Amino acid sequence: MGNKFTSGKIAIADCDRCGQQFQLKKLKALVIRTKITNIMVCPQCWEPDHPQNMQGMYPVYDPQALRDPRPDLLMYPNSPSRGIQWGWNPVGFNNVLQLPIPDNLEAQGGVGNVTVTTS
């Protein structure tokens, strides 16, 4: 009794993605979400299964909240960590809670001249 299939040493086949002809043994199966499909593609069209396709397949433990949080004592006035102030909405120091924190922010800007020479 012989083999079920021939060796296919010189067999040609079409890439299922681009349609070009290649040797059958050079085509690779496309893998989607860790499943091997029946789509055979050439080496130029083949791409590995992207890790983002595996989202939701594996459990992820990523806690976001802290148990019994404490306030940051360094944010109060006259502390060394408040040497740099920052603010936004509106631009500048936005003291919504009316805390006794001095406003040391100053906006600076300028307009200059530009000379463009073309040759």
Protein backbone atom coordinates (compact mmCIF):
# COMPACT_ATOMS: atom_id res chain seq x y z
CA MET A 1 0.00 0.00 0.00
CA GLY A 2 1.37 3.43 -0.92
CA ASN A 3 1.12 6.91 0.55
CA LYS A 4 -2.19 8.76 0.52
CA PHE A 5 -0.64 11.87 -1.01
CA THR A 6 2.29 12.55 -3.29
CA SER A 7 5.37 14.36 -2.00
CA GLY A 8 4.47 17.62 -3.77
CA LYS A 9 8.09 18.56 -4.51
CA ILE A 10 7.20 20.60 -7.59
CA ALA A 11 3.54 21.37 -6.89
CA ILE A 12 2.46 24.99 -7.26
CA ALA A 13 -0.35 26.79 -5.49
CA ASP A 14 -1.84 30.27 -5.26
CA CYS A 15 -1.48 32.48 -2.19
CA ASP A 16 -4.96 32.99 -0.73
CA ARG A 17 -4.19 36.64 0.07
CA CYS A 18 -2.29 38.09 -2.92
CA GLY A 19 -3.01 35.47 -5.60
CA GLN A 20 0.62 34.97 -6.66
CA GLN A 21 1.83 31.47 -7.51
CA PHE A 22 4.40 29.80 -5.27
CA GLN A 23 5.63 26.32 -4.55
CA LEU A 24 3.11 24.60 -2.30
CA LYS A 25 5.75 23.79 0.30
CA LYS A 26 6.60 27.53 0.68
CA LEU A 27 3.06 28.52 1.68
CA LYS A 28 2.24 28.81 5.39
CA ALA A 29 -1.05 28.47 7.23
CA LEU A 30 -2.43 31.69 8.69
CA VAL A 31 -3.02 31.68 12.48
CA ILE A 32 -5.86 33.80 13.89
CA ARG A 33 -6.49 33.92 17.67
CA THR A 34 -4.26 30.88 18.21
CA LYS A 35 -6.31 28.82 15.71
CA ILE A 36 -4.69 27.46 12.56
CA THR A 37 -6.91 28.33 9.61
CA ASN A 38 -7.10 26.74 6.18
CA ILE A 39 -5.82 29.96 4.59
CA MET A 40 -2.44 29.38 2.96
CA VAL A 41 -0.34 32.48 2.34
CA CYS A 42 3.07 33.21 0.86
CA PRO A 43 6.05 34.29 3.02
CA GLN A 44 5.49 37.97 2.08
CA CYS A 45 1.79 37.89 3.13
CA TRP A 46 2.27 35.77 6.25
CA GLU A 47 2.20 37.58 9.58
CA PRO A 48 2.38 36.14 13.09
CA ASP A 49 -0.69 36.17 15.30
CA HIS A 50 -0.80 39.58 16.99
CA PRO A 51 -0.90 39.59 20.83
CA GLN A 52 -3.84 42.04 20.83
CA ASN A 53 -5.96 39.31 19.25
CA MET A 54 -5.66 37.38 22.51
CA GLN A 55 -7.41 40.04 24.61
CA GLY A 56 -9.87 38.48 27.00
CA MET A 57 -8.48 34.97 26.62
CA TYR A 58 -6.39 35.12 29.79
CA PRO A 59 -7.50 36.40 33.21
CA VAL A 60 -5.95 39.69 34.27
CA TYR A 61 -5.77 40.82 37.90
CA ASP A 62 -5.20 44.58 37.86
CA PRO A 63 -6.53 46.30 41.01
CA GLN A 64 -6.91 50.07 40.78
CA ALA A 65 -7.99 51.27 44.24
CA LEU A 66 -6.04 51.49 47.49
CA ARG A 67 -7.36 50.19 50.79
CA ASP A 68 -7.37 52.91 53.49
CA PRO A 69 -5.64 55.69 51.51
CA ARG A 70 -4.00 58.59 53.34
CA PRO A 71 -3.65 62.23 52.18
CA ASP A 72 -0.36 63.44 50.80
CA LEU A 73 1.01 65.66 53.56
CA LEU A 74 3.59 67.16 51.20
CA MET A 75 0.94 69.01 49.20
CA TYR A 76 0.22 71.53 51.96
CA PRO A 77 1.74 75.05 51.95
CA ASN A 78 5.34 75.68 52.90
CA SER A 79 6.40 72.15 52.04
CA PRO A 80 9.46 71.60 49.83
CA SER A 81 7.52 69.53 47.29
CA ARG A 82 5.37 72.55 46.37
CA GLY A 83 8.37 74.49 45.04
CA ILE A 84 6.95 74.08 41.53
CA GLN A 85 3.34 75.04 40.95
CA TRP A 86 1.32 73.95 37.97
CA GLY A 87 -2.22 74.54 36.88
CA TRP A 88 -4.76 74.34 34.07
CA ASN A 89 -8.40 75.11 33.27
CA PRO A 90 -8.12 78.11 33.32
CA VAL A 91 -4.44 78.41 32.57
CA GLY A 92 -2.74 79.23 35.83
CA PHE A 93 -3.35 78.23 39.40
CA ASN A 94 -6.91 76.95 39.87
CA ASN A 95 -7.66 76.85 43.61
CA VAL A 96 -11.17 75.35 43.54
CA LEU A 97 -11.08 74.21 47.17
CA GLN A 98 -9.93 77.67 48.34
CA LEU A 99 -6.93 76.19 50.14
CA PRO A 100 -4.48 78.68 51.68
CA ILE A 101 -1.86 78.07 48.99
CA PRO A 102 -0.14 81.12 47.50
CA ASP A 103 -0.43 81.66 43.74
CA ASN A 104 3.14 82.03 42.43
CA LEU A 105 2.42 81.29 38.78
CA GLU A 106 3.32 83.93 36.22
CA ALA A 107 2.61 83.73 32.51
CA GLN A 108 5.36 84.91 30.17
CA GLY A 109 5.25 85.25 26.42
CA GLY A 110 6.83 87.11 23.58
CA VAL A 111 6.58 87.94 19.92
CA GLY A 112 9.61 88.10 17.65
CA ASN A 113 10.53 88.74 14.03
CA VAL A 114 11.30 86.13 11.41
CA THR A 115 13.13 86.83 8.18
CA VAL A 116 12.66 84.37 5.34
CA THR A 117 15.12 84.45 2.44
CA THR A 118 14.60 82.37 -0.67
CA SER A 119 17.08 81.87 -3.43
